[in-house]
Amino acid sequence: MNQEILNFLKDERIGVLAIEMLDGAPHAATLHFAYDESSGMLFFKTSRSYRKSEPLFGRPTSRASFVVGVNESIMKSFQADGEVRLITDDEKDLFERTFLGKFPEKKKTTPDPDAVFFVFIPTWWRYTDWTKPEGKVVIVSDQ
């Protein structure tokens, strides 16, 4: 990803995650995210009682899509397809640095036993910028 896309993902705080539920139906939810440039993963925190947690605990990985930039005033968007899964023990430090680094106010709810930490791993992405003087610019991953 070029620096413009990385900056966009660093600056934006909210996106829409669509996850495949256990019955195959889609479920979309708006939530905070943090992107880790070194791993290429997006990190999230939710509650076990929310619908999007069902597939996270029902199978090792689930298909998902994620969109950032749904506000027309921004005129940029990032769309990605991939998989979501619970974070591993080895990823806890990276989660804390990445997600809690971006959202330090969430540290107080992290010890909650209902807190769920998960990751989205993109397999394909597309970035669109309508603000360029030359017109719409689209950058697509090689995957």
N, C-alpha and C. Protein backbone atom coordinates (compact mmCIF):
# COMPACT_ATOMS: atom_id res chain seq x y z
N MET A 1 0.84 -1.19 0.00
CA MET A 1 0.00 0.00 0.00
C MET A 1 0.88 1.24 0.00
N ASN A 2 0.45 2.22 -0.72
CA ASN A 2 1.23 3.46 -0.72
C ASN A 2 0.91 4.29 0.52
N GLN A 3 1.70 5.30 0.75
CA GLN A 3 1.59 6.10 1.98
C GLN A 3 0.24 6.81 2.10
N GLU A 4 -0.33 7.20 0.99
CA GLU A 4 -1.64 7.87 1.02
C GLU A 4 -2.71 6.95 1.62
N ILE A 5 -2.69 5.68 1.23
CA ILE A 5 -3.66 4.72 1.76
C ILE A 5 -3.38 4.45 3.24
N LEU A 6 -2.11 4.29 3.58
CA LEU A 6 -1.74 4.06 4.97
C LEU A 6 -2.17 5.22 5.86
N ASN A 7 -1.99 6.44 5.38
CA ASN A 7 -2.41 7.62 6.14
C ASN A 7 -3.93 7.65 6.32
N PHE A 8 -4.65 7.28 5.27
CA PHE A 8 -6.11 7.23 5.33
C PHE A 8 -6.56 6.25 6.42
N LEU A 9 -5.97 5.05 6.42
CA LEU A 9 -6.34 4.05 7.42
C LEU A 9 -5.90 4.45 8.82
N LYS A 10 -4.82 5.19 8.91
CA LYS A 10 -4.36 5.68 10.21
C LYS A 10 -5.29 6.75 10.76
N ASP A 11 -5.74 7.65 9.89
CA ASP A 11 -6.57 8.78 10.32
C ASP A 11 -8.02 8.41 10.60
N GLU A 12 -8.58 7.51 9.80
CA GLU A 12 -9.99 7.14 9.98
C GLU A 12 -10.14 6.24 11.20
N ARG A 13 -11.30 6.31 11.84
CA ARG A 13 -11.51 5.57 13.08
C ARG A 13 -12.65 4.55 13.00
N ILE A 14 -13.55 4.74 12.06
CA ILE A 14 -14.76 3.92 11.99
C ILE A 14 -14.91 3.31 10.61
N GLY A 15 -15.37 2.07 10.58
CA GLY A 15 -15.66 1.39 9.33
C GLY A 15 -16.85 0.47 9.51
N VAL A 16 -17.25 -0.15 8.41
CA VAL A 16 -18.36 -1.10 8.44
C VAL A 16 -17.82 -2.47 8.09
N LEU A 17 -18.03 -3.42 9.00
CA LEU A 17 -17.61 -4.80 8.81
C LEU A 17 -18.83 -5.63 8.48
N ALA A 18 -18.75 -6.38 7.39
CA ALA A 18 -19.80 -7.35 7.04
C ALA A 18 -19.18 -8.73 7.21
N ILE A 19 -19.80 -9.55 8.05
CA ILE A 19 -19.26 -10.87 8.37
C ILE A 19 -20.28 -11.94 8.01
N GLU A 20 -19.78 -13.08 7.56
CA GLU A 20 -20.65 -14.21 7.25
C GLU A 20 -21.02 -14.93 8.55
N MET A 21 -22.31 -14.95 8.83
CA MET A 21 -22.79 -15.61 10.03
C MET A 21 -22.74 -17.13 9.85
N LEU A 22 -22.99 -17.88 10.89
CA LEU A 22 -22.90 -19.33 10.82
C LEU A 22 -23.89 -19.94 9.84
N ASP A 23 -25.03 -19.29 9.64
CA ASP A 23 -26.02 -19.80 8.69
C ASP A 23 -25.77 -19.31 7.26
N GLY A 24 -24.68 -18.57 7.05
CA GLY A 24 -24.33 -18.07 5.72
C GLY A 24 -24.85 -16.68 5.42
N ALA A 25 -25.72 -16.15 6.27
CA ALA A 25 -26.27 -14.81 6.06
C ALA A 25 -25.22 -13.76 6.39
N PRO A 26 -25.25 -12.61 5.72
CA PRO A 26 -24.33 -11.52 6.08
C PRO A 26 -24.86 -10.74 7.27
N HIS A 27 -23.95 -10.17 8.02
CA HIS A 27 -24.30 -9.25 9.10
C HIS A 27 -23.31 -8.10 9.04
N ALA A 28 -23.79 -6.87 8.98
CA ALA A 28 -22.92 -5.69 8.91
C ALA A 28 -23.05 -4.88 10.18
N ALA A 29 -21.90 -4.33 10.60
CA ALA A 29 -21.87 -3.53 11.82
C ALA A 29 -20.82 -2.44 11.68
N THR A 30 -21.11 -1.29 12.24
CA THR A 30 -20.16 -0.19 12.28
C THR A 30 -19.34 -0.33 13.56
N LEU A 31 -18.01 -0.17 13.44
CA LEU A 31 -17.16 -0.30 14.61
C LEU A 31 -15.83 0.40 14.42
N HIS A 32 -15.16 0.64 15.54
CA HIS A 32 -13.82 1.23 15.51
C HIS A 32 -12.82 0.19 15.01
N PHE A 33 -11.76 0.67 14.35
CA PHE A 33 -10.73 -0.22 13.86
C PHE A 33 -9.37 0.46 13.98
N ALA A 34 -8.34 -0.35 13.96
CA ALA A 34 -6.96 0.14 13.91
C ALA A 34 -6.18 -0.75 12.96
N TYR A 35 -5.40 -0.14 12.09
CA TYR A 35 -4.63 -0.87 11.09
C TYR A 35 -3.17 -0.95 11.51
N ASP A 36 -2.61 -2.15 11.40
CA ASP A 36 -1.19 -2.34 11.66
C ASP A 36 -0.46 -2.50 10.33
N GLU A 37 0.38 -1.54 10.02
CA GLU A 37 1.09 -1.52 8.74
C GLU A 37 2.03 -2.71 8.58
N SER A 38 2.70 -3.11 9.64
CA SER A 38 3.70 -4.18 9.52
C SER A 38 3.06 -5.54 9.21
N SER A 39 1.91 -5.82 9.76
CA SER A 39 1.25 -7.11 9.53
C SER A 39 0.19 -7.05 8.44
N GLY A 40 -0.31 -5.84 8.15
CA GLY A 40 -1.39 -5.69 7.18
C GLY A 40 -2.75 -6.07 7.75
N MET A 41 -2.84 -6.20 9.07
CA MET A 41 -4.08 -6.61 9.71
C MET A 41 -4.82 -5.42 10.31
N LEU A 42 -6.13 -5.54 10.38
CA LEU A 42 -6.97 -4.56 11.05
C LEU A 42 -7.49 -5.20 12.32
N PHE A 43 -7.43 -4.45 13.42
CA PHE A 43 -7.83 -4.96 14.73
C PHE A 43 -9.13 -4.31 15.19
N PHE A 44 -9.92 -5.11 15.95
CA PHE A 44 -11.22 -4.67 16.44
C PHE A 44 -11.44 -5.19 17.85
N LYS A 45 -12.35 -4.51 18.54
CA LYS A 45 -12.81 -4.95 19.86
C LYS A 45 -14.32 -4.87 19.84
N THR A 46 -14.97 -5.89 20.39
CA THR A 46 -16.42 -5.90 20.46
C THR A 46 -16.84 -6.60 21.74
N SER A 47 -18.11 -6.89 21.86
CA SER A 47 -18.63 -7.61 23.03
C SER A 47 -19.12 -8.98 22.58
N ARG A 48 -18.95 -9.94 23.43
CA ARG A 48 -19.38 -11.31 23.11
C ARG A 48 -20.89 -11.37 22.87
N SER A 49 -21.65 -10.44 23.44
CA SER A 49 -23.10 -10.46 23.29
C SER A 49 -23.58 -9.90 21.94
N TYR A 50 -22.70 -9.30 21.15
CA TYR A 50 -23.09 -8.74 19.86
C TYR A 50 -23.11 -9.82 18.78
N ARG A 51 -23.98 -9.65 17.81
CA ARG A 51 -24.18 -10.66 16.76
C ARG A 51 -22.89 -11.01 16.03
N LYS A 52 -22.03 -10.03 15.78
CA LYS A 52 -20.82 -10.31 15.00
C LYS A 52 -19.87 -11.27 15.71
N SER A 53 -20.08 -11.50 17.01
CA SER A 53 -19.23 -12.44 17.75
C SER A 53 -19.57 -13.89 17.48
N GLU A 54 -20.81 -14.16 17.06
CA GLU A 54 -21.24 -15.54 16.86
C GLU A 54 -20.30 -16.33 15.94
N PRO A 55 -20.00 -15.85 14.73
CA PRO A 55 -19.10 -16.64 13.89
C PRO A 55 -17.66 -16.68 14.40
N LEU A 56 -17.25 -15.68 15.17
CA LEU A 56 -15.89 -15.67 15.72
C LEU A 56 -15.67 -16.84 16.66
N PHE A 57 -16.73 -17.23 17.37
CA PHE A 57 -16.64 -18.35 18.31
C PHE A 57 -17.17 -19.65 17.69
N GLY A 58 -17.82 -19.55 16.53
CA GLY A 58 -18.43 -20.72 15.91
C GLY A 58 -17.54 -21.46 14.94
N ARG A 59 -16.47 -20.82 14.46
CA ARG A 59 -15.53 -21.47 13.54
C ARG A 59 -14.21 -20.72 13.58
N PRO A 60 -13.12 -21.34 13.12
CA PRO A 60 -11.79 -20.71 13.24
C PRO A 60 -11.66 -19.39 12.47
N THR A 61 -12.23 -19.32 11.26
CA THR A 61 -12.21 -18.08 10.47
C THR A 61 -13.56 -17.93 9.78
N SER A 62 -13.90 -16.68 9.47
CA SER A 62 -15.13 -16.39 8.74
C SER A 62 -14.83 -15.38 7.64
N ARG A 63 -15.51 -15.53 6.53
CA ARG A 63 -15.36 -14.56 5.45
C ARG A 63 -15.98 -13.23 5.87
N ALA A 64 -15.34 -12.15 5.42
CA ALA A 64 -15.83 -10.83 5.80
C ALA A 64 -15.39 -9.80 4.76
N SER A 65 -16.04 -8.67 4.80
CA SER A 65 -15.65 -7.49 4.02
C SER A 65 -15.64 -6.31 4.96
N PHE A 66 -14.79 -5.33 4.65
CA PHE A 66 -14.67 -4.16 5.51
C PHE A 66 -14.57 -2.92 4.63
N VAL A 67 -15.30 -1.86 5.02
CA VAL A 67 -15.33 -0.60 4.26
C VAL A 67 -15.04 0.55 5.21
N VAL A 68 -14.14 1.42 4.79
CA VAL A 68 -13.82 2.66 5.50
C VAL A 68 -14.09 3.80 4.53
N GLY A 69 -14.71 4.86 5.03
CA GLY A 69 -14.96 6.02 4.18
C GLY A 69 -16.35 6.02 3.59
N VAL A 70 -17.35 6.01 4.44
CA VAL A 70 -18.73 6.01 3.97
C VAL A 70 -19.38 7.39 4.12
N ASN A 71 -18.55 8.39 4.40
CA ASN A 71 -19.02 9.76 4.53
C ASN A 71 -18.70 10.51 3.24
N GLU A 72 -19.71 11.01 2.58
CA GLU A 72 -19.53 11.67 1.29
C GLU A 72 -18.60 12.88 1.36
N SER A 73 -18.48 13.49 2.51
CA SER A 73 -17.61 14.67 2.63
C SER A 73 -16.12 14.30 2.52
N ILE A 74 -15.77 13.05 2.80
CA ILE A 74 -14.37 12.63 2.72
C ILE A 74 -13.95 12.38 1.27
N MET A 75 -14.83 11.78 0.50
CA MET A 75 -14.59 11.49 -0.93
C MET A 75 -13.45 10.49 -1.15
N LYS A 76 -13.22 9.62 -0.17
CA LYS A 76 -12.24 8.54 -0.28
C LYS A 76 -12.85 7.30 0.37
N SER A 77 -12.48 6.14 -0.14
CA SER A 77 -12.97 4.92 0.49
C SER A 77 -11.95 3.79 0.34
N PHE A 78 -12.00 2.88 1.29
CA PHE A 78 -11.17 1.68 1.29
C PHE A 78 -12.12 0.51 1.45
N GLN A 79 -12.07 -0.43 0.53
CA GLN A 79 -12.92 -1.61 0.57
C GLN A 79 -12.01 -2.83 0.57
N ALA A 80 -12.33 -3.82 1.40
CA ALA A 80 -11.49 -5.01 1.46
C ALA A 80 -12.33 -6.25 1.69
N ASP A 81 -11.89 -7.35 1.11
CA ASP A 81 -12.44 -8.67 1.38
C ASP A 81 -11.37 -9.47 2.09
N GLY A 82 -11.78 -10.40 2.93
CA GLY A 82 -10.81 -11.23 3.62
C GLY A 82 -11.47 -12.12 4.64
N GLU A 83 -10.73 -12.36 5.72
CA GLU A 83 -11.22 -13.23 6.78
C GLU A 83 -11.05 -12.57 8.14
N VAL A 84 -11.95 -12.91 9.06
CA VAL A 84 -11.82 -12.48 10.44
C VAL A 84 -11.64 -13.70 11.32
N ARG A 85 -10.95 -13.47 12.43
CA ARG A 85 -10.75 -14.52 13.43
C ARG A 85 -10.38 -13.84 14.74
N LEU A 86 -10.51 -14.59 15.82
CA LEU A 86 -10.06 -14.10 17.12
C LEU A 86 -8.55 -13.90 17.08
N ILE A 87 -8.05 -12.93 17.85
CA ILE A 87 -6.60 -12.77 17.90
C ILE A 87 -5.99 -13.96 18.65
N THR A 88 -4.75 -14.26 18.34
CA THR A 88 -4.04 -15.33 19.02
C THR A 88 -3.31 -14.74 20.22
N ASP A 89 -2.83 -15.61 21.09
CA ASP A 89 -2.04 -15.15 22.24
C ASP A 89 -0.81 -14.38 21.78
N ASP A 90 -0.21 -14.83 20.68
CA ASP A 90 0.97 -14.16 20.15
C ASP A 90 0.68 -12.75 19.62
N GLU A 91 -0.58 -12.45 19.34
CA GLU A 91 -0.96 -11.15 18.78
C GLU A 91 -1.47 -10.16 19.83
N LYS A 92 -1.54 -10.57 21.09
CA LYS A 92 -2.10 -9.69 22.12
C LYS A 92 -1.30 -8.40 22.28
N ASP A 93 0.01 -8.50 22.27
CA ASP A 93 0.83 -7.28 22.39
C ASP A 93 0.63 -6.36 21.19
N LEU A 94 0.58 -6.96 19.99
CA LEU A 94 0.36 -6.17 18.79
C LEU A 94 -1.02 -5.51 18.81
N PHE A 95 -2.03 -6.24 19.29
CA PHE A 95 -3.37 -5.67 19.44
C PHE A 95 -3.32 -4.46 20.37
N GLU A 96 -2.67 -4.63 21.51
CA GLU A 96 -2.62 -3.54 22.49
C GLU A 96 -1.90 -2.32 21.92
N ARG A 97 -0.78 -2.54 21.27
CA ARG A 97 -0.04 -1.42 20.68
C ARG A 97 -0.86 -0.74 19.58
N THR A 98 -1.50 -1.53 18.75
CA THR A 98 -2.20 -1.00 17.58
C THR A 98 -3.57 -0.43 17.94
N PHE A 99 -4.43 -1.27 18.48
CA PHE A 99 -5.80 -0.85 18.75
C PHE A 99 -5.89 0.09 19.95
N LEU A 100 -5.30 -0.33 21.07
CA LEU A 100 -5.38 0.51 22.26
C LEU A 100 -4.48 1.74 22.14
N GLY A 101 -3.48 1.67 21.27
CA GLY A 101 -2.69 2.86 20.97
C GLY A 101 -3.52 3.91 20.26
N LYS A 102 -4.43 3.48 19.40
CA LYS A 102 -5.30 4.40 18.67
C LYS A 102 -6.50 4.82 19.52
N PHE A 103 -6.96 3.92 20.38
CA PHE A 103 -8.14 4.17 21.21
C PHE A 103 -7.81 3.94 22.69
N PRO A 104 -6.97 4.79 23.29
CA PRO A 104 -6.57 4.57 24.69
C PRO A 104 -7.75 4.58 25.66
N GLU A 105 -8.84 5.24 25.30
CA GLU A 105 -10.01 5.29 26.17
C GLU A 105 -10.65 3.91 26.34
N LYS A 106 -10.35 2.96 25.45
CA LYS A 106 -10.92 1.62 25.53
C LYS A 106 -10.15 0.70 26.48
N LYS A 107 -9.02 1.18 27.01
CA LYS A 107 -8.23 0.36 27.93
C LYS A 107 -9.05 -0.03 29.16
N LYS A 108 -9.93 0.84 29.59
CA LYS A 108 -10.70 0.57 30.81
C LYS A 108 -11.70 -0.56 30.63
N THR A 109 -12.13 -0.84 29.39
CA THR A 109 -13.09 -1.93 29.17
C THR A 109 -12.41 -3.20 28.66
N THR A 110 -11.12 -3.16 28.44
CA THR A 110 -10.41 -4.34 27.93
C THR A 110 -10.46 -5.52 28.89
N PRO A 111 -10.35 -5.32 30.20
CA PRO A 111 -10.41 -6.48 31.11
C PRO A 111 -11.79 -7.12 31.22
N ASP A 112 -12.82 -6.51 30.69
CA ASP A 112 -14.18 -7.03 30.75
C ASP A 112 -14.20 -8.46 30.19
N PRO A 113 -14.76 -9.43 30.93
CA PRO A 113 -14.78 -10.82 30.43
C PRO A 113 -15.59 -11.00 29.15
N ASP A 114 -16.48 -10.06 28.84
CA ASP A 114 -17.25 -10.14 27.60
C ASP A 114 -16.53 -9.48 26.42
N ALA A 115 -15.38 -8.85 26.65
CA ALA A 115 -14.64 -8.20 25.57
C ALA A 115 -14.06 -9.24 24.63
N VAL A 116 -14.20 -8.97 23.34
CA VAL A 116 -13.72 -9.87 22.30
C VAL A 116 -12.78 -9.07 21.41
N PHE A 117 -11.60 -9.63 21.15
CA PHE A 117 -10.60 -8.98 20.32
C PHE A 117 -10.40 -9.83 19.07
N PHE A 118 -10.53 -9.20 17.92
CA PHE A 118 -10.39 -9.97 16.70
C PHE A 118 -9.70 -9.18 15.61
N VAL A 119 -9.34 -9.89 14.56
CA VAL A 119 -8.53 -9.33 13.49
C VAL A 119 -9.19 -9.62 12.14
N PHE A 120 -9.03 -8.68 11.22
CA PHE A 120 -9.45 -8.85 9.82
C PHE A 120 -8.18 -8.91 8.99
N ILE A 121 -8.05 -9.96 8.19
CA ILE A 121 -6.88 -10.13 7.33
C ILE A 121 -7.34 -9.99 5.88
N PRO A 122 -6.99 -8.88 5.23
CA PRO A 122 -7.44 -8.67 3.84
C PRO A 122 -6.79 -9.66 2.87
N THR A 123 -7.59 -10.13 1.93
CA THR A 123 -7.06 -10.92 0.82
C THR A 123 -7.14 -10.12 -0.48
N TRP A 124 -7.94 -9.07 -0.47
CA TRP A 124 -8.10 -8.16 -1.62
C TRP A 124 -8.54 -6.82 -1.06
N TRP A 125 -8.08 -5.71 -1.67
CA TRP A 125 -8.54 -4.39 -1.26
C TRP A 125 -8.55 -3.45 -2.45
N ARG A 126 -9.32 -2.36 -2.29
CA ARG A 126 -9.44 -1.31 -3.30
C ARG A 126 -9.57 0.01 -2.57
N TYR A 127 -8.79 0.99 -3.02
CA TYR A 127 -8.83 2.34 -2.46
C TYR A 127 -9.27 3.28 -3.58
N THR A 128 -10.23 4.12 -3.30
CA THR A 128 -10.73 5.07 -4.29
C THR A 128 -10.66 6.47 -3.71
N ASP A 129 -10.14 7.40 -4.51
CA ASP A 129 -10.02 8.79 -4.10
C ASP A 129 -10.62 9.67 -5.20
N TRP A 130 -11.71 10.37 -4.86
CA TRP A 130 -12.38 11.24 -5.82
C TRP A 130 -11.89 12.69 -5.71
N THR A 131 -10.90 12.97 -4.86
CA THR A 131 -10.48 14.35 -4.61
C THR A 131 -9.34 14.82 -5.50
N LYS A 132 -8.80 13.97 -6.34
CA LYS A 132 -7.64 14.33 -7.16
C LYS A 132 -8.04 15.27 -8.29
N PRO A 133 -7.17 16.23 -8.62
CA PRO A 133 -7.47 17.15 -9.72
C PRO A 133 -7.68 16.42 -11.05
N GLU A 134 -7.00 15.28 -11.23
CA GLU A 134 -7.13 14.52 -12.48
C GLU A 134 -8.36 13.63 -12.51
N GLY A 135 -9.14 13.64 -11.43
CA GLY A 135 -10.35 12.83 -11.38
C GLY A 135 -10.17 11.65 -10.45
N LYS A 136 -11.12 10.74 -10.52
CA LYS A 136 -11.13 9.59 -9.62
C LYS A 136 -9.89 8.72 -9.84
N VAL A 137 -9.24 8.37 -8.72
CA VAL A 137 -8.07 7.50 -8.75
C VAL A 137 -8.43 6.22 -7.99
N VAL A 138 -8.18 5.09 -8.62
CA VAL A 138 -8.47 3.79 -8.01
C VAL A 138 -7.18 2.99 -7.94
N ILE A 139 -6.88 2.47 -6.75
CA ILE A 139 -5.72 1.61 -6.55
C ILE A 139 -6.23 0.29 -6.00
N VAL A 140 -5.84 -0.80 -6.65
CA VAL A 140 -6.32 -2.13 -6.27
C VAL A 140 -5.13 -3.01 -5.89
N SER A 141 -5.32 -3.85 -4.90
CA SER A 141 -4.25 -4.76 -4.48
C SER A 141 -3.91 -5.74 -5.59
N ASP A 142 -2.76 -6.36 -5.46
CA ASP A 142 -2.32 -7.35 -6.44
C ASP A 142 -2.96 -8.70 -6.20
N GLN A 143 -3.61 -8.88 -5.10
CA GLN A 143 -4.16 -10.19 -4.73
C GLN A 143 -5.42 -10.49 -5.45
